[in-house]
Protein backbone atom coordinates (compact mmCIF):
# COMPACT_ATOMS: atom_id res chain seq x y z
CA MET A 1 0.00 0.00 0.00
CA ARG A 2 1.27 3.44 -0.83
CA ILE A 3 1.02 5.71 2.22
CA VAL A 4 2.25 9.05 0.86
CA ALA A 5 1.14 10.06 -2.63
CA GLN A 6 1.59 13.45 -4.24
CA ASN A 7 3.31 14.79 -1.10
CA HIS A 8 0.37 14.02 1.21
CA ILE A 9 -1.14 11.02 2.94
CA ALA A 10 -4.23 9.55 1.30
CA GLU A 11 -7.48 10.42 3.08
CA GLY A 12 -8.36 6.79 3.72
CA VAL A 13 -4.98 6.20 5.35
CA LEU A 14 -5.45 9.23 7.60
CA GLU A 15 -8.88 7.97 8.60
CA ARG A 16 -7.49 4.54 9.48
CA PHE A 17 -4.59 6.19 11.35
CA VAL A 18 -6.99 8.20 13.52
CA MET A 19 -9.09 5.11 14.18
CA THR A 20 -5.92 3.09 15.01
CA ARG A 21 -6.58 0.67 12.17
CA LEU A 22 -3.09 0.71 10.63
CA SER A 23 -0.44 -1.94 11.10
CA GLU A 24 2.78 -0.98 12.87
CA ALA A 25 4.56 -0.97 9.50
CA GLU A 26 2.00 1.50 8.12
CA VAL A 27 2.07 3.79 11.17
CA VAL A 28 5.78 4.61 10.90
CA PRO A 29 5.69 6.43 7.52
CA VAL A 30 2.49 8.24 8.52
CA GLU A 31 4.04 9.52 11.75
CA GLU A 32 7.22 10.54 9.92
CA HIS A 33 5.20 12.43 7.32
CA LEU A 34 3.11 14.18 9.98
CA LEU A 35 6.31 15.58 11.50
CA ILE A 36 6.95 17.62 8.35
CA CYS A 37 3.49 18.25 6.89
CA PRO A 38 1.21 20.82 8.56
CA ARG A 39 -1.61 20.15 6.07
CA CYS A 40 -1.81 16.45 6.98
CA ARG A 41 -1.47 17.28 10.70
CA GLU A 42 -4.45 19.64 10.41
CA ARG A 43 -6.45 16.95 8.65
CA VAL A 44 -5.59 14.41 11.36
CA ALA A 45 -6.67 16.91 14.04
CA TRP A 46 -9.98 17.48 12.25
CA LEU A 47 -10.57 13.75 11.78
CA ASP A 48 -9.68 13.10 15.42
CA ASP A 49 -12.26 15.69 16.56
CA PHE A 50 -14.85 14.25 14.19
CA VAL A 51 -14.32 10.66 15.35
CA GLY A 52 -14.41 11.84 18.97
CA SER A 53 -17.73 13.58 18.33
CA ILE A 54 -19.21 10.48 16.75
CA ARG A 55 -18.03 8.28 19.62
CA SER A 56 -19.39 10.76 22.15
CA ALA A 57 -22.76 10.90 20.40
CA ALA A 58 -22.94 7.12 20.25
CA SER A 59 -22.38 6.82 23.99
CA ALA A 60 -24.63 9.74 25.00
CA PRO A 61 -27.79 9.03 26.97
CA GLN A 62 -30.99 8.68 24.99
CA ARG A 63 -32.78 11.95 24.32
CA PHE A 64 -36.10 13.01 22.94
CA GLY A 65 -37.60 9.56 23.34
CA VAL A 66 -35.48 8.08 20.58
CA LYS A 67 -34.25 4.62 21.42
CA ARG A 68 -30.83 3.53 20.26
CA GLN A 69 -30.84 0.16 18.56
CA ASP A 70 -27.92 -2.07 19.53
């Protein structure tokens, strides 16, 4: 798998990085790239906030009478 293409990390790779779904071998080049690329760091920060929001919403108490289906 190619991690860095056209000077940036592919969106799908960043998503899997944030969700800790990369192998150790895949994590190393991503972390190295993030050290030098502010654009990819910003994207990771945004994705991290987004994933955190989704996880928070999924674990929030039920509101407005809507039942969560498990």
